[in-house]
């Protein structure tokens, strides 16, 4: 995920576009599912000082999954729309560490007959080199 140059800045809040790509793997006792995704979104970063800054973000994109079925769900097709909301904090020297909580939903958006959808929640840590 890469946050681009802010499009709006104030004393309390910076808003900027973000772009991202990723690979995911979900495992269930009966089957594993992997997928790749690309997305665009927006991130708002609150002013918190030099050592930490909380943020909120949202992104929309497309995902291609290895199957159209997972965990008793019929996703309808392998191509899915992907929406994600995130809350987190950037911290440390140069704000190089990121801890965030994500809620992600996959849906075929009516492109196929079945549309059970699939939602995940996760906690992640990142470090910028």
N, C-alpha and C. Protein backbone atom coordinates (compact mmCIF):
# COMPACT_ATOMS: atom_id res chain seq x y z
N UNK A 1 0.85 -1.17 0.00
CA UNK A 1 0.00 0.00 0.00
C UNK A 1 0.89 1.22 0.00
N UNK A 2 0.57 2.19 -0.82
CA UNK A 2 1.34 3.42 -0.91
C UNK A 2 0.39 4.60 -0.83
N UNK A 3 0.65 5.49 0.11
CA UNK A 3 -0.13 6.72 0.23
C UNK A 3 0.60 7.78 -0.59
N UNK A 4 -0.14 8.43 -1.48
CA UNK A 4 0.44 9.44 -2.35
C UNK A 4 0.41 10.81 -1.67
N UNK A 5 0.91 11.81 -2.33
CA UNK A 5 0.97 13.17 -1.78
C UNK A 5 -0.43 13.63 -1.37
N UNK A 6 -0.55 14.19 -0.15
CA UNK A 6 -1.87 14.65 0.32
C UNK A 6 -2.52 15.64 -0.64
N UNK A 7 -3.83 15.50 -0.81
CA UNK A 7 -4.57 16.44 -1.65
C UNK A 7 -5.16 17.57 -0.82
N UNK A 8 -5.18 17.38 0.50
CA UNK A 8 -5.67 18.40 1.41
C UNK A 8 -4.94 18.26 2.74
N UNK A 9 -4.48 19.38 3.27
CA UNK A 9 -3.78 19.38 4.56
C UNK A 9 -4.30 20.48 5.43
N UNK A 10 -4.41 20.18 6.71
CA UNK A 10 -4.77 21.19 7.69
C UNK A 10 -3.91 20.97 8.93
N UNK A 11 -4.13 21.77 9.92
CA UNK A 11 -3.38 21.65 11.16
C UNK A 11 -3.65 20.32 11.87
N UNK A 12 -4.84 19.74 11.62
CA UNK A 12 -5.27 18.56 12.35
C UNK A 12 -5.32 17.27 11.53
N UNK A 13 -5.36 17.39 10.20
CA UNK A 13 -5.72 16.24 9.38
C UNK A 13 -5.13 16.39 7.98
N UNK A 14 -4.54 15.32 7.44
CA UNK A 14 -4.10 15.27 6.04
C UNK A 14 -4.92 14.20 5.33
N UNK A 15 -5.38 14.50 4.12
CA UNK A 15 -6.13 13.54 3.32
C UNK A 15 -5.36 13.29 2.04
N UNK A 16 -5.15 12.01 1.72
CA UNK A 16 -4.42 11.68 0.51
C UNK A 16 -4.91 10.40 -0.13
N UNK A 17 -4.72 10.29 -1.44
CA UNK A 17 -5.10 9.06 -2.14
C UNK A 17 -4.11 7.94 -1.82
N UNK A 18 -4.57 6.71 -1.93
CA UNK A 18 -3.68 5.57 -1.76
C UNK A 18 -3.93 4.56 -2.87
N UNK A 19 -2.91 3.81 -3.19
CA UNK A 19 -3.01 2.71 -4.14
C UNK A 19 -2.44 1.48 -3.46
N UNK A 20 -2.93 0.33 -3.83
CA UNK A 20 -2.44 -0.87 -3.18
C UNK A 20 -2.60 -2.10 -4.05
N UNK A 21 -1.87 -3.11 -3.69
CA UNK A 21 -1.96 -4.42 -4.31
C UNK A 21 -1.59 -5.43 -3.24
N UNK A 22 -2.12 -6.62 -3.34
CA UNK A 22 -1.80 -7.61 -2.34
C UNK A 22 -2.15 -9.02 -2.76
N UNK A 23 -1.63 -9.96 -2.00
CA UNK A 23 -1.93 -11.37 -2.17
C UNK A 23 -2.40 -11.88 -0.82
N UNK A 24 -3.47 -12.67 -0.82
CA UNK A 24 -4.03 -13.19 0.42
C UNK A 24 -4.19 -14.70 0.34
N UNK A 25 -4.15 -15.34 1.50
CA UNK A 25 -4.39 -16.78 1.61
C UNK A 25 -5.30 -17.00 2.81
N UNK A 26 -6.43 -17.71 2.59
CA UNK A 26 -7.33 -18.08 3.66
C UNK A 26 -7.37 -19.60 3.69
N UNK A 27 -7.28 -20.16 4.88
CA UNK A 27 -7.31 -21.61 5.00
C UNK A 27 -8.49 -22.04 5.86
N UNK A 28 -9.12 -23.09 5.42
CA UNK A 28 -10.23 -23.73 6.11
C UNK A 28 -9.89 -25.21 6.15
N UNK A 29 -10.35 -25.97 7.11
CA UNK A 29 -9.97 -27.39 7.16
C UNK A 29 -10.21 -28.15 5.85
N UNK A 30 -11.23 -27.76 5.09
CA UNK A 30 -11.56 -28.47 3.85
C UNK A 30 -10.88 -27.90 2.61
N UNK A 31 -10.48 -26.64 2.64
CA UNK A 31 -10.00 -26.00 1.42
C UNK A 31 -9.24 -24.72 1.73
N UNK A 32 -8.27 -24.41 0.88
CA UNK A 32 -7.56 -23.13 0.96
C UNK A 32 -7.99 -22.27 -0.23
N UNK A 33 -7.98 -20.97 -0.05
CA UNK A 33 -8.34 -20.02 -1.09
C UNK A 33 -7.29 -18.94 -1.12
N UNK A 34 -6.77 -18.62 -2.28
CA UNK A 34 -5.82 -17.52 -2.39
C UNK A 34 -6.39 -16.52 -3.38
N UNK A 35 -5.89 -15.31 -3.31
CA UNK A 35 -6.35 -14.28 -4.21
C UNK A 35 -5.36 -13.14 -4.33
N UNK A 36 -5.43 -12.45 -5.44
CA UNK A 36 -4.64 -11.24 -5.65
C UNK A 36 -5.57 -10.08 -5.86
N UNK A 37 -5.16 -8.89 -5.44
CA UNK A 37 -6.04 -7.73 -5.57
C UNK A 37 -5.27 -6.46 -5.90
N UNK A 38 -5.97 -5.52 -6.50
CA UNK A 38 -5.49 -4.16 -6.71
C UNK A 38 -6.60 -3.24 -6.24
N UNK A 39 -6.22 -2.07 -5.67
CA UNK A 39 -7.24 -1.17 -5.15
C UNK A 39 -6.75 0.27 -5.12
N UNK A 40 -7.71 1.17 -5.04
CA UNK A 40 -7.45 2.59 -4.85
C UNK A 40 -8.33 3.05 -3.69
N UNK A 41 -7.91 4.12 -3.02
CA UNK A 41 -8.70 4.60 -1.90
C UNK A 41 -8.23 5.95 -1.41
N UNK A 42 -8.61 6.23 -0.19
CA UNK A 42 -8.27 7.51 0.43
C UNK A 42 -7.92 7.26 1.89
N UNK A 43 -6.95 8.01 2.39
CA UNK A 43 -6.53 7.88 3.78
C UNK A 43 -6.50 9.26 4.43
N UNK A 44 -7.05 9.32 5.64
CA UNK A 44 -6.97 10.53 6.45
C UNK A 44 -6.06 10.26 7.63
N UNK A 45 -5.03 11.09 7.76
CA UNK A 45 -4.06 10.93 8.84
C UNK A 45 -4.20 12.11 9.78
N UNK A 46 -4.47 11.82 11.06
CA UNK A 46 -4.61 12.86 12.07
C UNK A 46 -3.24 13.32 12.54
N UNK A 47 -3.13 14.58 12.93
CA UNK A 47 -1.89 15.07 13.52
C UNK A 47 -1.78 14.49 14.92
N UNK A 48 -0.64 13.92 15.23
CA UNK A 48 -0.46 13.33 16.54
C UNK A 48 0.92 13.62 17.10
N UNK A 49 1.74 14.25 16.30
CA UNK A 49 3.08 14.54 16.74
C UNK A 49 4.10 13.83 15.88
N UNK A 50 5.35 13.91 16.30
CA UNK A 50 6.43 13.30 15.53
C UNK A 50 6.55 11.80 15.77
N UNK A 51 6.01 11.29 16.88
CA UNK A 51 6.21 9.89 17.25
C UNK A 51 5.03 8.99 16.88
N UNK A 52 3.83 9.55 16.65
CA UNK A 52 2.68 8.72 16.32
C UNK A 52 1.60 9.54 15.62
N UNK A 53 0.83 8.88 14.75
CA UNK A 53 -0.28 9.52 14.06
C UNK A 53 -1.36 8.49 13.75
N UNK A 54 -2.56 8.64 14.30
CA UNK A 54 -3.66 7.73 13.96
C UNK A 54 -4.19 8.04 12.56
N UNK A 55 -4.81 7.02 11.93
CA UNK A 55 -5.37 7.23 10.60
C UNK A 55 -6.61 6.39 10.40
N UNK A 56 -7.38 6.77 9.37
CA UNK A 56 -8.56 6.04 8.92
C UNK A 56 -8.45 5.97 7.40
N UNK A 57 -8.83 4.83 6.83
CA UNK A 57 -8.70 4.66 5.38
C UNK A 57 -9.82 3.80 4.83
N UNK A 58 -10.09 3.97 3.56
CA UNK A 58 -11.04 3.14 2.85
C UNK A 58 -10.53 2.91 1.44
N UNK A 59 -10.79 1.73 0.89
CA UNK A 59 -10.32 1.41 -0.45
C UNK A 59 -11.32 0.51 -1.16
N UNK A 60 -11.36 0.63 -2.48
CA UNK A 60 -12.18 -0.21 -3.35
C UNK A 60 -11.29 -0.77 -4.44
N UNK A 61 -11.58 -1.99 -4.88
CA UNK A 61 -10.78 -2.56 -5.94
C UNK A 61 -11.35 -3.87 -6.45
N UNK A 62 -10.51 -4.58 -7.18
CA UNK A 62 -10.87 -5.87 -7.74
C UNK A 62 -9.95 -6.95 -7.20
N UNK A 63 -10.49 -8.15 -7.06
CA UNK A 63 -9.71 -9.29 -6.63
C UNK A 63 -10.02 -10.46 -7.57
N UNK A 64 -9.02 -11.28 -7.81
CA UNK A 64 -9.21 -12.53 -8.54
C UNK A 64 -8.84 -13.65 -7.58
N UNK A 65 -9.79 -14.58 -7.37
CA UNK A 65 -9.61 -15.65 -6.40
C UNK A 65 -9.35 -16.98 -7.11
N UNK A 66 -8.78 -17.91 -6.39
CA UNK A 66 -8.45 -19.22 -6.96
C UNK A 66 -9.68 -20.12 -7.13
N UNK A 67 -10.80 -19.77 -6.53
CA UNK A 67 -12.02 -20.56 -6.64
C UNK A 67 -13.23 -19.65 -6.43
N UNK A 68 -14.37 -20.12 -6.89
CA UNK A 68 -15.60 -19.35 -6.64
C UNK A 68 -16.40 -19.93 -5.47
N UNK A 69 -15.78 -20.88 -4.74
CA UNK A 69 -16.41 -21.46 -3.55
C UNK A 69 -15.40 -21.48 -2.41
N UNK A 70 -15.89 -21.20 -1.19
CA UNK A 70 -15.03 -21.27 -0.02
C UNK A 70 -15.88 -21.35 1.24
N UNK A 71 -15.54 -22.28 2.13
CA UNK A 71 -16.17 -22.34 3.45
C UNK A 71 -17.70 -22.35 3.35
N UNK A 72 -18.24 -23.21 2.49
CA UNK A 72 -19.68 -23.34 2.26
C UNK A 72 -20.32 -22.10 1.66
N UNK A 73 -19.53 -21.20 1.08
CA UNK A 73 -20.05 -20.01 0.42
C UNK A 73 -19.91 -20.17 -1.09
N UNK A 74 -20.95 -19.78 -1.82
CA UNK A 74 -20.89 -19.75 -3.28
C UNK A 74 -20.71 -18.30 -3.68
N UNK A 75 -19.51 -17.95 -4.09
CA UNK A 75 -19.18 -16.57 -4.44
C UNK A 75 -19.64 -16.20 -5.84
N UNK A 76 -20.08 -17.17 -6.62
CA UNK A 76 -20.64 -16.90 -7.93
C UNK A 76 -19.63 -16.86 -9.06
N UNK A 77 -18.47 -16.30 -8.82
CA UNK A 77 -17.41 -16.23 -9.82
C UNK A 77 -16.09 -15.93 -9.12
N UNK A 78 -14.99 -16.08 -9.84
CA UNK A 78 -13.68 -15.88 -9.24
C UNK A 78 -13.29 -14.40 -9.16
N UNK A 79 -13.89 -13.55 -9.98
CA UNK A 79 -13.61 -12.11 -9.95
C UNK A 79 -14.55 -11.46 -8.95
N UNK A 80 -13.98 -10.73 -8.00
CA UNK A 80 -14.77 -10.13 -6.92
C UNK A 80 -14.42 -8.65 -6.76
N UNK A 81 -15.40 -7.86 -6.37
CA UNK A 81 -15.13 -6.50 -5.92
C UNK A 81 -14.65 -6.61 -4.48
N UNK A 82 -13.71 -5.76 -4.11
CA UNK A 82 -13.14 -5.81 -2.77
C UNK A 82 -13.23 -4.42 -2.15
N UNK A 83 -13.86 -4.33 -0.98
CA UNK A 83 -13.91 -3.06 -0.24
C UNK A 83 -13.26 -3.28 1.12
N UNK A 84 -12.53 -2.26 1.58
CA UNK A 84 -11.81 -2.41 2.85
C UNK A 84 -11.86 -1.09 3.63
N UNK A 85 -12.08 -1.21 4.92
CA UNK A 85 -11.99 -0.08 5.84
C UNK A 85 -10.91 -0.36 6.86
N UNK A 86 -10.12 0.65 7.20
CA UNK A 86 -8.99 0.46 8.11
C UNK A 86 -8.94 1.57 9.15
N UNK A 87 -8.53 1.18 10.35
CA UNK A 87 -8.18 2.10 11.43
C UNK A 87 -6.80 1.70 11.91
N UNK A 88 -5.95 2.68 12.16
CA UNK A 88 -4.62 2.31 12.61
C UNK A 88 -3.83 3.48 13.14
N UNK A 89 -2.56 3.20 13.37
CA UNK A 89 -1.64 4.22 13.86
C UNK A 89 -0.27 4.01 13.23
N UNK A 90 0.32 5.12 12.78
CA UNK A 90 1.71 5.13 12.33
C UNK A 90 2.53 5.61 13.52
N UNK A 91 3.69 4.98 13.76
CA UNK A 91 4.46 5.37 14.94
C UNK A 91 5.94 5.10 14.73
N UNK A 92 6.71 5.58 15.70
CA UNK A 92 8.16 5.37 15.68
C UNK A 92 8.89 6.45 14.91
N UNK A 93 10.20 6.35 14.92
CA UNK A 93 11.05 7.31 14.22
C UNK A 93 10.70 7.33 12.74
N UNK A 94 10.38 8.50 12.23
CA UNK A 94 9.99 8.64 10.83
C UNK A 94 8.64 8.03 10.51
N UNK A 95 7.86 7.66 11.52
CA UNK A 95 6.55 7.03 11.36
C UNK A 95 6.63 5.81 10.44
N UNK A 96 7.69 5.01 10.61
CA UNK A 96 7.95 3.88 9.73
C UNK A 96 7.20 2.61 10.13
N UNK A 97 6.62 2.57 11.33
CA UNK A 97 5.85 1.41 11.79
C UNK A 97 4.37 1.71 11.63
N UNK A 98 3.60 0.68 11.26
CA UNK A 98 2.14 0.83 11.11
C UNK A 98 1.47 -0.37 11.75
N UNK A 99 0.49 -0.10 12.62
CA UNK A 99 -0.36 -1.13 13.19
C UNK A 99 -1.78 -0.77 12.79
N UNK A 100 -2.48 -1.72 12.14
CA UNK A 100 -3.83 -1.39 11.69
C UNK A 100 -4.77 -2.57 11.78
N UNK A 101 -6.06 -2.24 11.90
CA UNK A 101 -7.15 -3.21 11.91
C UNK A 101 -7.96 -2.98 10.64
N UNK A 102 -8.23 -4.06 9.90
CA UNK A 102 -8.95 -3.97 8.64
C UNK A 102 -10.22 -4.80 8.68
N UNK A 103 -11.26 -4.32 8.02
CA UNK A 103 -12.46 -5.08 7.72
C UNK A 103 -12.58 -5.06 6.20
N UNK A 104 -12.63 -6.25 5.60
CA UNK A 104 -12.65 -6.37 4.14
C UNK A 104 -13.84 -7.21 3.72
N UNK A 105 -14.50 -6.80 2.63
CA UNK A 105 -15.63 -7.55 2.10
C UNK A 105 -15.41 -7.81 0.62
N UNK A 106 -15.66 -9.07 0.23
CA UNK A 106 -15.58 -9.49 -1.18
C UNK A 106 -16.99 -9.79 -1.66
N UNK A 107 -17.34 -9.29 -2.84
CA UNK A 107 -18.66 -9.52 -3.43
C UNK A 107 -18.53 -9.50 -4.94
N UNK A 108 -19.34 -10.31 -5.63
CA UNK A 108 -19.28 -10.27 -7.08
C UNK A 108 -20.13 -9.14 -7.66
N UNK A 109 -20.80 -8.41 -6.83
CA UNK A 109 -21.55 -7.24 -7.27
C UNK A 109 -22.68 -7.55 -8.25
N UNK A 110 -23.20 -8.77 -8.19
CA UNK A 110 -24.29 -9.14 -9.09
C UNK A 110 -23.82 -9.61 -10.46
N UNK A 111 -22.51 -9.82 -10.64
CA UNK A 111 -22.01 -10.29 -11.94
C UNK A 111 -22.37 -11.74 -12.21
N UNK A 112 -22.71 -12.49 -11.18
CA UNK A 112 -23.06 -13.91 -11.33
C UNK A 112 -24.32 -14.17 -10.51
N UNK A 113 -24.95 -15.31 -10.75
CA UNK A 113 -26.21 -15.64 -10.08
C UNK A 113 -26.10 -15.68 -8.57
N UNK A 114 -25.10 -16.39 -8.06
CA UNK A 114 -24.90 -16.47 -6.61
C UNK A 114 -24.02 -15.31 -6.16
N UNK A 115 -24.24 -14.84 -4.91
CA UNK A 115 -23.45 -13.72 -4.40
C UNK A 115 -23.43 -13.78 -2.88
N UNK A 116 -22.90 -14.88 -2.34
CA UNK A 116 -22.85 -15.01 -0.88
C UNK A 116 -21.93 -13.97 -0.25
N UNK A 117 -20.90 -13.55 -0.95
CA UNK A 117 -19.94 -12.60 -0.39
C UNK A 117 -19.09 -13.25 0.69
N UNK A 118 -18.04 -12.56 1.08
CA UNK A 118 -17.11 -13.08 2.07
C UNK A 118 -16.48 -11.90 2.79
N UNK A 119 -16.52 -11.88 4.09
CA UNK A 119 -15.93 -10.78 4.86
C UNK A 119 -14.83 -11.30 5.78
N UNK A 120 -13.81 -10.49 5.97
CA UNK A 120 -12.71 -10.84 6.88
C UNK A 120 -12.40 -9.65 7.78
N UNK A 121 -11.84 -9.95 8.92
CA UNK A 121 -11.29 -8.93 9.82
C UNK A 121 -9.86 -9.33 10.13
N UNK A 122 -8.98 -8.36 10.21
CA UNK A 122 -7.61 -8.70 10.48
C UNK A 122 -6.84 -7.58 11.16
N UNK A 123 -5.75 -7.95 11.75
CA UNK A 123 -4.82 -7.03 12.39
C UNK A 123 -3.48 -7.21 11.71
N UNK A 124 -2.83 -6.10 11.33
CA UNK A 124 -1.55 -6.23 10.64
C UNK A 124 -0.54 -5.22 11.17
N UNK A 125 0.70 -5.58 10.95
CA UNK A 125 1.83 -4.72 11.29
C UNK A 125 2.66 -4.54 10.02
N UNK A 126 3.11 -3.32 9.78
CA UNK A 126 3.96 -3.05 8.63
C UNK A 126 5.14 -2.19 9.02
N UNK A 127 6.20 -2.30 8.23
CA UNK A 127 7.41 -1.51 8.45
C UNK A 127 7.90 -1.00 7.11
N UNK A 128 8.18 0.30 7.02
CA UNK A 128 8.69 0.90 5.80
C UNK A 128 10.20 0.92 5.84
N UNK A 129 10.81 0.33 4.83
CA UNK A 129 12.28 0.29 4.73
C UNK A 129 12.81 1.57 4.12
